[in-house]
Amino acid sequence: MLHKKAYSVQMNFKVPESEKKIAEKAEEYFEQLLAQMEEASRYLDIIYGPFKKHQNVNMDMIVEYRRTFRQYRDQVKHKFTLIVKRAYRAVALMNEFSTDTSTEELMDAFMASIRELEKYIDTFVSIFSNFNNPEFGKNILATIDSLKRQMNQIRQFLTDRVLDHIDSNILAKDWAKDVSDRFEEPIEDKVPLVVQLFRERQKALKSED
């Protein structure tokens, strides 16, 4: 525990460039994960919209088009499999900083949320095993609501906690420098008004000599 605290303090001062590159890669994975979840959410809307609009759907029609529903199920499963894999890869990179207590706690919480997401995915897939279930449509809607809610929580956690932690404590990014570099204009240090007036007065006296 003492070693973890010491490392946490050390991270606030200087992180080796080799470790910064790992953190940058992990950050890239987390950002890709956010994009993947956004895409998956839109894909879920393909089935969510019709069932939401027509909740008393004809079960014979569902059975008739079961092949199409299964293809859709498989695509959803594939997309979320990629999401989970991306999440594990990002955490594997962050394991480089596991001796830092804050990083370890964040990754533990993140992985717990991913495991919860996996449960909802398994539930979603299992619904398609019985097309004769009169609650088929309702179960689809309820599970997609749970999936979307969980993804929103993960998205907020990544944005507000994880990415901010990487930027502030590992990469030690300076927002003012980032803005300056982006516009290729140096941000000048603000000179106190009294000093500014003094300098102008000196300049005026010199010109009078």
Protein backbone atom coordinates (compact mmCIF):
# COMPACT_ATOMS: atom_id res chain seq x y z
CA MET A 1 0.00 0.00 0.00
CA LEU A 2 2.84 2.37 0.88
CA HIS A 3 4.50 1.66 -2.48
CA LYS A 4 1.23 2.42 -4.28
CA LYS A 5 0.90 5.78 -2.54
CA ALA A 6 4.51 6.63 -3.31
CA TYR A 7 4.01 5.82 -6.98
CA SER A 8 0.81 7.87 -7.06
CA VAL A 9 2.70 10.90 -5.76
CA GLN A 10 5.53 10.25 -8.20
CA MET A 11 3.11 10.23 -11.15
CA ASN A 12 2.10 13.79 -10.33
CA PHE A 13 5.65 14.94 -11.03
CA LYS A 14 7.19 13.03 -13.91
CA VAL A 15 6.15 10.09 -16.06
CA PRO A 16 8.72 8.53 -18.43
CA GLU A 17 8.10 9.06 -22.14
CA SER A 18 7.80 5.30 -22.68
CA GLU A 19 4.91 5.15 -20.20
CA LYS A 20 3.30 8.24 -21.73
CA LYS A 21 3.19 6.46 -25.08
CA ILE A 22 1.38 3.55 -23.44
CA ALA A 23 -1.08 5.96 -21.83
CA GLU A 24 -1.67 7.68 -25.18
CA LYS A 25 -2.41 4.31 -26.79
CA ALA A 26 -4.82 3.42 -23.99
CA GLU A 27 -6.52 6.79 -24.40
CA GLU A 28 -6.85 6.11 -28.13
CA TYR A 29 -8.50 2.75 -27.36
CA PHE A 30 -10.93 4.36 -24.93
CA GLU A 31 -11.89 6.98 -27.53
CA GLN A 32 -12.40 4.23 -30.13
CA LEU A 33 -14.52 2.40 -27.57
CA LEU A 34 -16.75 5.47 -27.22
CA ALA A 35 -17.22 5.55 -31.00
CA GLN A 36 -18.00 1.82 -31.11
CA MET A 37 -20.65 2.18 -28.41
CA GLU A 38 -22.24 5.07 -30.28
CA GLU A 39 -22.41 2.93 -33.43
CA ALA A 40 -23.84 -0.04 -31.50
CA SER A 41 -26.47 2.20 -29.92
CA ARG A 42 -27.62 3.39 -33.35
CA TYR A 43 -27.71 -0.21 -34.59
CA LEU A 44 -29.98 -1.20 -31.70
CA ASP A 45 -32.41 1.50 -32.84
CA ILE A 46 -33.06 -0.49 -36.04
CA ILE A 47 -35.13 -2.99 -34.06
CA TYR A 48 -36.06 -0.74 -31.14
CA GLY A 49 -38.00 1.79 -33.23
CA PRO A 50 -40.44 -0.64 -34.92
CA PHE A 51 -41.14 -2.56 -31.69
CA LYS A 52 -41.64 0.66 -29.77
CA LYS A 53 -44.11 1.92 -32.38
CA HIS A 54 -45.94 -1.40 -32.83
CA GLN A 55 -45.90 -3.16 -29.48
CA ASN A 56 -48.78 -5.50 -30.36
CA VAL A 57 -46.85 -7.09 -33.20
CA ASN A 58 -48.11 -10.23 -34.93
CA MET A 59 -46.12 -13.17 -33.55
CA ASP A 60 -46.64 -15.16 -36.75
CA MET A 61 -44.75 -12.45 -38.62
CA ILE A 62 -41.84 -12.68 -36.18
CA VAL A 63 -41.66 -16.45 -36.61
CA GLU A 64 -41.87 -16.07 -40.38
CA TYR A 65 -38.89 -13.69 -40.45
CA ARG A 66 -36.91 -15.46 -37.72
CA ARG A 67 -33.93 -15.87 -40.04
CA THR A 68 -33.67 -12.09 -40.47
CA PHE A 69 -34.01 -11.58 -36.72
CA ARG A 70 -31.23 -14.09 -36.08
CA GLN A 71 -28.95 -12.35 -38.55
CA TYR A 72 -29.62 -9.09 -36.76
CA ARG A 73 -28.94 -10.77 -33.38
CA ASP A 74 -25.62 -12.07 -34.65
CA GLN A 75 -24.60 -8.62 -35.87
CA VAL A 76 -25.45 -7.07 -32.51
CA LYS A 77 -23.48 -9.79 -30.72
CA HIS A 78 -20.51 -9.19 -33.01
CA LYS A 79 -20.51 -5.44 -32.40
CA PHE A 80 -20.61 -5.86 -28.64
CA THR A 81 -17.93 -8.55 -28.75
CA LEU A 82 -15.65 -5.99 -30.40
CA ILE A 83 -16.60 -3.43 -27.74
CA VAL A 84 -15.68 -5.80 -24.92
CA LYS A 85 -12.40 -6.77 -26.61
CA ARG A 86 -11.48 -3.10 -27.03
CA ALA A 87 -12.25 -2.47 -23.37
CA TYR A 88 -10.01 -5.33 -22.22
CA ARG A 89 -7.17 -4.17 -24.47
CA ALA A 90 -7.36 -0.66 -23.05
CA VAL A 91 -7.32 -1.98 -19.49
CA ALA A 92 -4.37 -4.25 -20.34
CA LEU A 93 -2.41 -1.15 -21.37
CA MET A 94 -3.47 0.71 -18.22
CA ASN A 95 -2.08 -2.21 -16.20
CA GLU A 96 1.28 -0.45 -16.70
CA PHE A 97 0.07 1.99 -14.03
CA SER A 98 -1.58 -0.55 -11.73
CA THR A 99 0.72 0.37 -8.85
CA ASP A 100 -1.02 3.76 -8.78
CA THR A 101 -4.02 3.48 -6.44
CA SER A 102 -6.20 5.94 -8.36
CA THR A 103 -5.61 4.20 -11.69
CA GLU A 104 -6.28 0.78 -10.20
CA GLU A 105 -9.57 1.92 -8.64
CA LEU A 106 -10.70 3.50 -11.91
CA MET A 107 -9.93 0.38 -13.92
CA ASP A 108 -11.67 -1.87 -11.38
CA ALA A 109 -14.80 0.27 -11.61
CA PHE A 110 -14.59 0.38 -15.39
CA MET A 111 -14.27 -3.40 -15.73
CA ALA A 112 -17.21 -3.90 -13.35
CA SER A 113 -19.34 -1.76 -15.67
CA ILE A 114 -18.15 -3.74 -18.72
CA ARG A 115 -19.05 -7.03 -17.02
CA GLU A 116 -22.51 -5.61 -16.33
CA LEU A 117 -22.80 -4.70 -20.01
CA GLU A 118 -21.88 -8.28 -20.95
CA LYS A 119 -24.79 -9.58 -18.83
CA TYR A 120 -27.25 -7.41 -20.76
CA ILE A 121 -25.75 -8.60 -24.06
CA ASP A 122 -26.23 -12.25 -23.00
CA THR A 123 -29.84 -11.46 -22.07
CA PHE A 124 -30.43 -9.79 -25.43
CA VAL A 125 -29.05 -12.78 -27.34
CA SER A 126 -31.10 -15.27 -25.27
CA ILE A 127 -34.38 -13.51 -26.20
CA PHE A 128 -33.97 -14.71 -29.79
CA SER A 129 -34.03 -18.37 -28.72
CA ASN A 130 -37.84 -18.31 -28.49
CA PHE A 131 -39.71 -16.44 -31.21
CA ASN A 132 -43.03 -17.81 -29.95
CA ASN A 133 -42.77 -15.95 -26.68
CA PRO A 134 -45.66 -13.42 -26.59
CA GLU A 135 -43.38 -11.13 -24.53
CA PHE A 136 -40.72 -11.15 -27.26
CA GLY A 137 -41.20 -7.49 -28.24
CA LYS A 138 -41.45 -6.24 -24.65
CA ASN A 139 -38.31 -8.17 -23.67
CA ILE A 140 -36.42 -6.68 -26.63
CA LEU A 141 -37.40 -3.14 -25.64
CA ALA A 142 -36.57 -3.64 -21.96
CA THR A 143 -33.17 -5.18 -22.68
CA ILE A 144 -32.21 -2.50 -25.19
CA ASP A 145 -33.18 0.16 -22.63
CA SER A 146 -30.84 -1.54 -20.14
CA LEU A 147 -28.05 -1.79 -22.72
CA LYS A 148 -28.34 1.88 -23.64
CA ARG A 149 -28.48 2.97 -20.01
CA GLN A 150 -25.37 0.95 -19.20
CA MET A 151 -23.50 2.32 -22.23
CA ASN A 152 -24.41 5.86 -21.21
CA GLN A 153 -22.99 5.22 -17.74
CA ILE A 154 -19.79 3.80 -19.23
CA ARG A 155 -19.55 6.73 -21.65
CA GLN A 156 -19.90 9.25 -18.82
CA PHE A 157 -17.41 7.40 -16.63
CA LEU A 158 -14.82 7.29 -19.42
CA THR A 159 -15.27 10.94 -20.32
CA ASP A 160 -15.49 12.42 -16.84
CA ARG A 161 -13.12 10.14 -14.93
CA VAL A 162 -10.83 7.92 -16.98
CA LEU A 163 -9.81 10.20 -19.85
CA ASP A 164 -9.49 13.15 -17.50
CA HIS A 165 -7.28 11.07 -15.20
CA ILE A 166 -5.00 10.06 -18.08
CA ASP A 167 -4.73 13.63 -19.37
CA SER A 168 -4.19 15.27 -15.99
CA ASN A 169 -2.18 12.74 -13.99
CA ILE A 170 -0.27 10.66 -16.55
CA LEU A 171 0.15 12.78 -19.66
CA ALA A 172 0.06 15.99 -17.59
CA LYS A 173 -1.57 17.92 -20.42
CA ASP A 174 -1.68 21.70 -20.15
CA TRP A 175 -4.89 23.03 -21.72
CA ALA A 176 -3.39 26.49 -22.27
CA LYS A 177 -0.40 25.01 -24.09
CA ASP A 178 -2.70 22.80 -26.18
CA VAL A 179 -4.67 25.85 -27.34
CA SER A 180 -1.48 27.75 -28.03
CA ASP A 181 0.01 24.89 -30.05
CA ARG A 182 -3.20 24.37 -32.01
CA PHE A 183 -3.33 27.97 -33.18
CA GLU A 184 0.46 28.28 -33.33
CA GLU A 185 0.30 31.40 -31.21
CA PRO A 186 2.16 31.71 -27.93
CA ILE A 187 0.09 32.72 -24.93
CA GLU A 188 1.87 35.66 -23.32
CA ASP A 189 2.22 35.88 -19.58
CA LYS A 190 -0.16 38.46 -18.18
CA VAL A 191 1.76 41.49 -16.91
CA PRO A 192 0.29 43.23 -13.85
CA LEU A 193 -1.14 46.67 -14.66
CA VAL A 194 1.22 48.45 -12.23
CA VAL A 195 4.27 46.88 -13.89
CA GLN A 196 2.91 47.67 -17.34
CA LEU A 197 2.40 51.35 -16.41
CA PHE A 198 5.87 51.50 -14.89
CA ARG A 199 7.45 50.12 -18.07
CA GLU A 200 5.52 52.57 -20.23
CA ARG A 201 6.64 55.44 -17.96
CA GLN A 202 10.28 54.34 -18.25
CA LYS A 203 9.97 54.16 -22.02
CA ALA A 204 8.46 57.68 -22.09
CA LEU A 205 11.30 59.11 -19.93
CA LYS A 206 13.94 57.55 -22.19
CA SER A 207 12.36 59.10 -25.26
CA GLU A 208 12.51 62.53 -23.58
CA ASP A 209 16.32 62.26 -23.02
